[in-house]
Amino acid sequence: MAHKSITQRLAELEERKKTLKARLGKQERAQDTRRKILLGALVLHRLEHSHDSEFTRRLRDWLQRELPGFLVRDGDKMLFEDILAPAQAEENSRAAE
């Protein structure tokens, strides 16, 4: 069996490095997505089931202020209509005056 040249071995190692970096990137993106899902689930849970009405009100007020500037796509905005509706109604009311 012939030995591989150093150049061949380096090329194989570089290819292996690229494969491992791609796998790491995929794993990091999956973890980031999972964190976002869990954080969103916590926020929604607090909005729907919190017994601390002051906290819930402050959280909803904050979301109503921040979400309109954060959400760009119409489809995304529609996902949060239940949270944004009171703020949008108030905004429409002010615009009509």
C-alpha atoms as a PDB file:
ATOM      1  CA  MET A   1       0.000   0.000   0.000  1.00  0.00           C
ATOM      2  CA  ALA A   2       1.433   3.343  -1.070  1.00  0.00           C
ATOM      3  CA  HIS A   3       1.727   6.129   1.427  1.00  0.00           C
ATOM      4  CA  LYS A   4      -0.185   9.327   0.720  1.00  0.00           C
ATOM      5  CA  SER A   5       1.850  12.404   0.057  1.00  0.00           C
ATOM      6  CA  ILE A   6       1.879  15.180   2.588  1.00  0.00           C
ATOM      7  CA  THR A   7      -0.008  17.352   0.099  1.00  0.00           C
ATOM      8  CA  GLN A   8      -2.760  14.738  -0.230  1.00  0.00           C
ATOM      9  CA  ARG A   9      -2.998  14.347   3.529  1.00  0.00           C
ATOM     10  CA  LEU A  10      -3.233  18.116   3.984  1.00  0.00           C
ATOM     11  CA  ALA A  11      -5.982  18.326   1.355  1.00  0.00           C
ATOM     12  CA  GLU A  12      -7.927  15.563   3.140  1.00  0.00           C
ATOM     13  CA  LEU A  13      -7.514  17.326   6.468  1.00  0.00           C
ATOM     14  CA  GLU A  14      -8.705  20.619   4.958  1.00  0.00           C
ATOM     15  CA  GLU A  15     -11.783  18.867   3.541  1.00  0.00           C
ATOM     16  CA  ARG A  16     -12.456  17.261   6.934  1.00  0.00           C
ATOM     17  CA  LYS A  17     -12.070  20.678   8.592  1.00  0.00           C
ATOM     18  CA  LYS A  18     -14.623  22.215   6.188  1.00  0.00           C
ATOM     19  CA  THR A  19     -17.072  19.378   6.890  1.00  0.00           C
ATOM     20  CA  LEU A  20     -16.699  19.762  10.663  1.00  0.00           C
ATOM     21  CA  LYS A  21     -17.088  23.557  10.467  1.00  0.00           C
ATOM     22  CA  ALA A  22     -20.284  23.143   8.452  1.00  0.00           C
ATOM     23  CA  ARG A  23     -21.611  20.651  11.003  1.00  0.00           C
ATOM     24  CA  LEU A  24     -20.751  23.029  13.856  1.00  0.00           C
ATOM     25  CA  GLY A  25     -22.497  25.914  12.085  1.00  0.00           C
ATOM     26  CA  LYS A  26     -25.617  23.809  11.598  1.00  0.00           C
ATOM     27  CA  GLN A  27     -25.574  22.785  15.268  1.00  0.00           C
ATOM     28  CA  GLU A  28     -25.166  26.402  16.411  1.00  0.00           C
ATOM     29  CA  ARG A  29     -28.069  27.555  14.197  1.00  0.00           C
ATOM     30  CA  ALA A  30     -30.264  24.780  15.589  1.00  0.00           C
ATOM     31  CA  GLN A  31     -29.403  25.805  19.155  1.00  0.00           C
ATOM     32  CA  ASP A  32     -30.115  29.464  18.352  1.00  0.00           C
ATOM     33  CA  THR A  33     -33.490  28.539  16.866  1.00  0.00           C
ATOM     34  CA  ARG A  34     -34.329  26.417  19.917  1.00  0.00           C
ATOM     35  CA  ARG A  35     -33.442  29.301  22.269  1.00  0.00           C
ATOM     36  CA  LYS A  36     -35.708  31.655  20.306  1.00  0.00           C
ATOM     37  CA  ILE A  37     -38.576  29.182  20.392  1.00  0.00           C
ATOM     38  CA  LEU A  38     -38.241  28.645  24.140  1.00  0.00           C
ATOM     39  CA  LEU A  39     -37.948  32.359  24.868  1.00  0.00           C
ATOM     40  CA  GLY A  40     -41.008  33.067  22.723  1.00  0.00           C
ATOM     41  CA  ALA A  41     -42.907  30.288  24.473  1.00  0.00           C
ATOM     42  CA  LEU A  42     -42.044  31.826  27.847  1.00  0.00           C
ATOM     43  CA  VAL A  43     -43.226  35.288  26.771  1.00  0.00           C
ATOM     44  CA  LEU A  44     -46.479  33.921  25.356  1.00  0.00           C
ATOM     45  CA  HIS A  45     -47.033  31.848  28.488  1.00  0.00           C
ATOM     46  CA  ARG A  46     -46.572  34.926  30.681  1.00  0.00           C
ATOM     47  CA  LEU A  47     -49.005  36.899  28.516  1.00  0.00           C
ATOM     48  CA  GLU A  48     -51.646  34.177  28.665  1.00  0.00           C
ATOM     49  CA  HIS A  49     -51.257  32.678  32.144  1.00  0.00           C
ATOM     50  CA  SER A  50     -49.580  35.207  34.385  1.00  0.00           C
ATOM     51  CA  HIS A  51     -51.189  35.986  37.712  1.00  0.00           C
ATOM     52  CA  ASP A  52     -49.128  39.154  37.967  1.00  0.00           C
ATOM     53  CA  SER A  53     -51.341  41.550  36.033  1.00  0.00           C
ATOM     54  CA  GLU A  54     -48.923  44.490  36.419  1.00  0.00           C
ATOM     55  CA  PHE A  55     -46.078  42.478  34.899  1.00  0.00           C
ATOM     56  CA  THR A  56     -48.340  41.221  32.101  1.00  0.00           C
ATOM     57  CA  ARG A  57     -49.514  44.755  31.333  1.00  0.00           C
ATOM     58  CA  ARG A  58     -45.945  46.070  31.238  1.00  0.00           C
ATOM     59  CA  LEU A  59     -44.833  43.158  29.052  1.00  0.00           C
ATOM     60  CA  ARG A  60     -47.737  43.693  26.634  1.00  0.00           C
ATOM     61  CA  ASP A  61     -47.046  47.469  26.521  1.00  0.00           C
ATOM     62  CA  TRP A  62     -43.376  46.804  25.776  1.00  0.00           C
ATOM     63  CA  LEU A  63     -44.232  44.338  23.007  1.00  0.00           C
ATOM     64  CA  GLN A  64     -46.723  46.786  21.494  1.00  0.00           C
ATOM     65  CA  ARG A  65     -43.981  49.429  21.383  1.00  0.00           C
ATOM     66  CA  GLU A  66     -41.173  47.187  20.116  1.00  0.00           C
ATOM     67  CA  LEU A  67     -42.794  44.688  17.754  1.00  0.00           C
ATOM     68  CA  PRO A  68     -43.969  47.131  15.061  1.00  0.00           C
ATOM     69  CA  GLY A  69     -40.406  48.295  14.460  1.00  0.00           C
ATOM     70  CA  PHE A  70     -39.008  44.767  14.651  1.00  0.00           C
ATOM     71  CA  LEU A  71     -41.471  42.944  12.409  1.00  0.00           C
ATOM     72  CA  VAL A  72     -40.911  43.655   8.728  1.00  0.00           C
ATOM     73  CA  ARG A  73     -43.019  41.113   6.841  1.00  0.00           C
ATOM     74  CA  ASP A  74     -46.791  41.422   6.717  1.00  0.00           C
ATOM     75  CA  GLY A  75     -47.115  37.706   7.446  1.00  0.00           C
ATOM     76  CA  ASP A  76     -45.037  38.131  10.605  1.00  0.00           C
ATOM     77  CA  LYS A  77     -47.164  41.075  11.703  1.00  0.00           C
ATOM     78  CA  MET A  78     -50.285  38.970  11.237  1.00  0.00           C
ATOM     79  CA  LEU A  79     -48.852  36.369  13.622  1.00  0.00           C
ATOM     80  CA  PHE A  80     -48.864  38.984  16.386  1.00  0.00           C
ATOM     81  CA  GLU A  81     -52.202  40.675  15.677  1.00  0.00           C
ATOM     82  CA  ASP A  82     -53.553  39.538  19.040  1.00  0.00           C
ATOM     83  CA  ILE A  83     -50.776  41.440  20.807  1.00  0.00           C
ATOM     84  CA  LEU A  84     -50.602  44.413  18.445  1.00  0.00           C
ATOM     85  CA  ALA A  85     -54.361  44.918  17.929  1.00  0.00           C
ATOM     86  CA  PRO A  86     -54.940  47.200  20.956  1.00  0.00           C
ATOM     87  CA  ALA A  87     -51.982  49.413  20.025  1.00  0.00           C
ATOM     88  CA  GLN A  88     -52.975  49.530  16.366  1.00  0.00           C
ATOM     89  CA  ALA A  89     -56.557  50.456  17.235  1.00  0.00           C
ATOM     90  CA  GLU A  90     -55.292  53.292  19.430  1.00  0.00           C
ATOM     91  CA  GLU A  91     -52.906  54.432  16.686  1.00  0.00           C
ATOM     92  CA  ASN A  92     -55.701  54.395  14.091  1.00  0.00           C
ATOM     93  CA  SER A  93     -57.905  56.377  16.485  1.00  0.00           C
ATOM     94  CA  ARG A  94     -55.248  59.065  16.888  1.00  0.00           C
ATOM     95  CA  ALA A  95     -54.725  59.263  13.119  1.00  0.00           C
ATOM     96  CA  ALA A  96     -58.449  59.791  12.557  1.00  0.00           C
ATOM     97  CA  GLU A  97     -58.545  62.826  14.882  1.00  0.00           C
END
